């Protein structure tokens, strides 16, 4: 079992323990997939990391 705070996902919150226990690590290794719930969470999302696009600078 992977310790994931279920409050971050409505699907995980509403799922049974058996549904939450059935998960797969993504092939890239950067996320977790619960096939019975059709839910995917990235490691960044679990850690609360937010990515923003870099601002492009215009050259004068």
N, C-alpha and C. Protein backbone atom coordinates (compact mmCIF):
# COMPACT_ATOMS: atom_id res chain seq x y z
N UNK A 1 0.85 -1.18 0.00
CA UNK A 1 0.00 0.00 0.00
C UNK A 1 0.89 1.24 0.00
N UNK A 2 0.50 2.22 -0.79
CA UNK A 2 1.22 3.49 -0.86
C UNK A 2 0.50 4.49 0.05
N UNK A 3 1.22 5.12 0.97
CA UNK A 3 0.55 6.09 1.86
C UNK A 3 0.29 7.40 1.10
N UNK A 4 -0.94 7.57 0.64
CA UNK A 4 -1.35 8.76 -0.10
C UNK A 4 -2.47 9.43 0.68
N UNK A 5 -2.36 10.74 0.91
CA UNK A 5 -3.46 11.42 1.60
C UNK A 5 -4.70 11.43 0.70
N UNK A 6 -5.72 10.68 1.07
CA UNK A 6 -6.87 10.49 0.18
C UNK A 6 -7.70 11.77 0.01
N UNK A 7 -7.51 12.75 0.87
CA UNK A 7 -8.30 13.98 0.75
C UNK A 7 -7.92 14.79 -0.49
N UNK A 8 -6.80 14.49 -1.13
CA UNK A 8 -6.40 15.26 -2.31
C UNK A 8 -7.15 14.82 -3.57
N UNK A 9 -7.91 13.76 -3.49
CA UNK A 9 -8.66 13.26 -4.64
C UNK A 9 -10.04 12.80 -4.19
N UNK A 10 -11.06 13.34 -4.84
CA UNK A 10 -12.43 12.94 -4.52
C UNK A 10 -12.63 11.45 -4.79
N UNK A 11 -12.06 10.96 -5.88
CA UNK A 11 -12.21 9.53 -6.21
C UNK A 11 -11.56 8.65 -5.15
N UNK A 12 -10.38 9.03 -4.68
CA UNK A 12 -9.73 8.25 -3.63
C UNK A 12 -10.51 8.34 -2.31
N UNK A 13 -11.05 9.51 -2.04
CA UNK A 13 -11.83 9.68 -0.81
C UNK A 13 -13.06 8.79 -0.78
N UNK A 14 -13.69 8.64 -1.95
CA UNK A 14 -14.92 7.84 -2.03
C UNK A 14 -14.68 6.36 -2.27
N UNK A 15 -13.45 5.97 -2.52
CA UNK A 15 -13.12 4.58 -2.85
C UNK A 15 -13.02 3.70 -1.61
N UNK A 16 -13.23 2.42 -1.83
CA UNK A 16 -13.05 1.45 -0.75
C UNK A 16 -11.55 1.20 -0.54
N UNK A 17 -11.21 0.60 0.57
CA UNK A 17 -9.81 0.27 0.85
C UNK A 17 -9.27 -0.67 -0.22
N UNK A 18 -10.10 -1.61 -0.68
CA UNK A 18 -9.66 -2.55 -1.72
C UNK A 18 -9.37 -1.83 -3.03
N UNK A 19 -10.21 -0.85 -3.38
CA UNK A 19 -9.98 -0.08 -4.61
C UNK A 19 -8.71 0.75 -4.51
N UNK A 20 -8.47 1.34 -3.35
CA UNK A 20 -7.25 2.15 -3.16
C UNK A 20 -6.00 1.27 -3.14
N UNK A 21 -6.14 0.05 -2.68
CA UNK A 21 -4.99 -0.86 -2.58
C UNK A 21 -4.52 -1.37 -3.94
N UNK A 22 -5.38 -1.27 -4.96
CA UNK A 22 -5.05 -1.75 -6.31
C UNK A 22 -4.52 -0.56 -7.13
N UNK A 23 -3.20 -0.41 -7.20
CA UNK A 23 -2.59 0.72 -7.90
C UNK A 23 -1.40 0.24 -8.70
N UNK A 24 -0.94 1.09 -9.61
CA UNK A 24 0.25 0.81 -10.42
C UNK A 24 1.12 2.06 -10.44
N UNK A 25 2.41 1.86 -10.44
CA UNK A 25 3.34 2.98 -10.66
C UNK A 25 3.42 3.20 -12.16
N UNK A 26 3.36 4.45 -12.59
CA UNK A 26 3.41 4.73 -14.02
C UNK A 26 4.73 4.25 -14.60
N UNK A 27 4.75 3.89 -15.89
CA UNK A 27 5.99 3.40 -16.50
C UNK A 27 7.14 4.39 -16.38
N UNK A 28 6.83 5.69 -16.40
CA UNK A 28 7.89 6.70 -16.28
C UNK A 28 8.39 6.82 -14.84
N UNK A 29 7.60 6.31 -13.90
CA UNK A 29 7.99 6.40 -12.50
C UNK A 29 7.59 7.71 -11.84
N UNK A 30 6.84 8.55 -12.55
CA UNK A 30 6.48 9.87 -12.04
C UNK A 30 5.04 9.99 -11.57
N UNK A 31 4.36 8.87 -11.39
CA UNK A 31 2.98 8.95 -10.96
C UNK A 31 2.44 7.62 -10.50
N UNK A 32 1.21 7.67 -9.98
CA UNK A 32 0.52 6.48 -9.50
C UNK A 32 -0.84 6.43 -10.19
N UNK A 33 -1.23 5.23 -10.62
CA UNK A 33 -2.51 5.03 -11.32
C UNK A 33 -3.32 4.00 -10.57
N UNK A 34 -4.60 4.31 -10.33
CA UNK A 34 -5.55 3.38 -9.73
C UNK A 34 -6.51 2.96 -10.83
N UNK A 35 -6.27 1.82 -11.49
CA UNK A 35 -7.09 1.41 -12.63
C UNK A 35 -8.57 1.19 -12.29
N UNK A 36 -8.88 0.71 -11.12
CA UNK A 36 -10.28 0.48 -10.76
C UNK A 36 -11.04 1.79 -10.57
N UNK A 37 -10.30 2.86 -10.33
CA UNK A 37 -10.91 4.17 -10.10
C UNK A 37 -10.71 5.12 -11.27
N UNK A 38 -9.88 4.72 -12.23
CA UNK A 38 -9.48 5.59 -13.35
C UNK A 38 -8.94 6.91 -12.81
N UNK A 39 -8.04 6.82 -11.85
CA UNK A 39 -7.44 7.99 -11.20
C UNK A 39 -5.94 7.95 -11.36
N UNK A 40 -5.35 9.09 -11.64
CA UNK A 40 -3.91 9.23 -11.78
C UNK A 40 -3.45 10.43 -10.97
N UNK A 41 -2.37 10.26 -10.23
CA UNK A 41 -1.77 11.37 -9.50
C UNK A 41 -0.28 11.38 -9.78
N UNK A 42 0.24 12.56 -10.06
CA UNK A 42 1.69 12.68 -10.28
C UNK A 42 2.39 12.81 -8.94
N UNK A 43 3.65 12.48 -8.91
CA UNK A 43 4.44 12.64 -7.69
C UNK A 43 4.51 14.12 -7.32
N UNK A 44 4.67 14.98 -8.32
CA UNK A 44 4.70 16.42 -8.05
C UNK A 44 3.40 16.86 -7.39
N UNK A 45 2.26 16.36 -7.90
CA UNK A 45 0.97 16.70 -7.31
C UNK A 45 0.86 16.23 -5.87
N UNK A 46 1.37 15.05 -5.59
CA UNK A 46 1.34 14.53 -4.22
C UNK A 46 2.18 15.36 -3.28
N UNK A 47 3.27 15.92 -3.82
CA UNK A 47 4.17 16.74 -3.00
C UNK A 47 3.75 18.21 -2.95
N UNK A 48 2.72 18.56 -3.75
CA UNK A 48 2.25 19.93 -3.76
C UNK A 48 3.09 20.86 -4.61
N UNK A 49 3.85 20.31 -5.54
CA UNK A 49 4.68 21.12 -6.41
C UNK A 49 3.83 21.64 -7.57
N UNK A 50 3.88 22.95 -7.79
CA UNK A 50 3.13 23.58 -8.87
C UNK A 50 4.11 24.09 -9.90
N UNK A 51 3.90 23.68 -11.15
CA UNK A 51 4.75 24.13 -12.24
C UNK A 51 4.07 25.27 -12.98
N UNK A 52 4.83 26.32 -13.26
CA UNK A 52 4.30 27.44 -14.03
C UNK A 52 5.19 27.63 -15.26
N UNK A 53 4.59 28.03 -16.36
CA UNK A 53 5.41 28.25 -17.55
C UNK A 53 6.37 29.42 -17.34
N UNK A 54 7.54 29.27 -17.87
CA UNK A 54 8.53 30.34 -17.75
C UNK A 54 8.11 31.50 -18.64
N UNK A 55 8.33 32.69 -18.16
CA UNK A 55 8.02 33.86 -18.95
C UNK A 55 9.09 34.06 -20.00
N UNK A 56 8.67 34.21 -21.25
CA UNK A 56 9.63 34.44 -22.31
C UNK A 56 10.01 35.92 -22.34
N UNK A 57 11.27 36.17 -22.51
CA UNK A 57 11.77 37.54 -22.59
C UNK A 57 11.89 37.95 -24.04
N UNK A 58 11.46 39.15 -24.32
CA UNK A 58 11.58 39.67 -25.68
C UNK A 58 12.88 40.45 -25.76
N UNK A 59 13.65 40.17 -26.78
CA UNK A 59 14.90 40.91 -26.93
C UNK A 59 14.63 42.18 -27.72
N UNK A 60 15.31 43.23 -27.32
CA UNK A 60 15.10 44.54 -27.96
C UNK A 60 16.10 44.78 -29.06
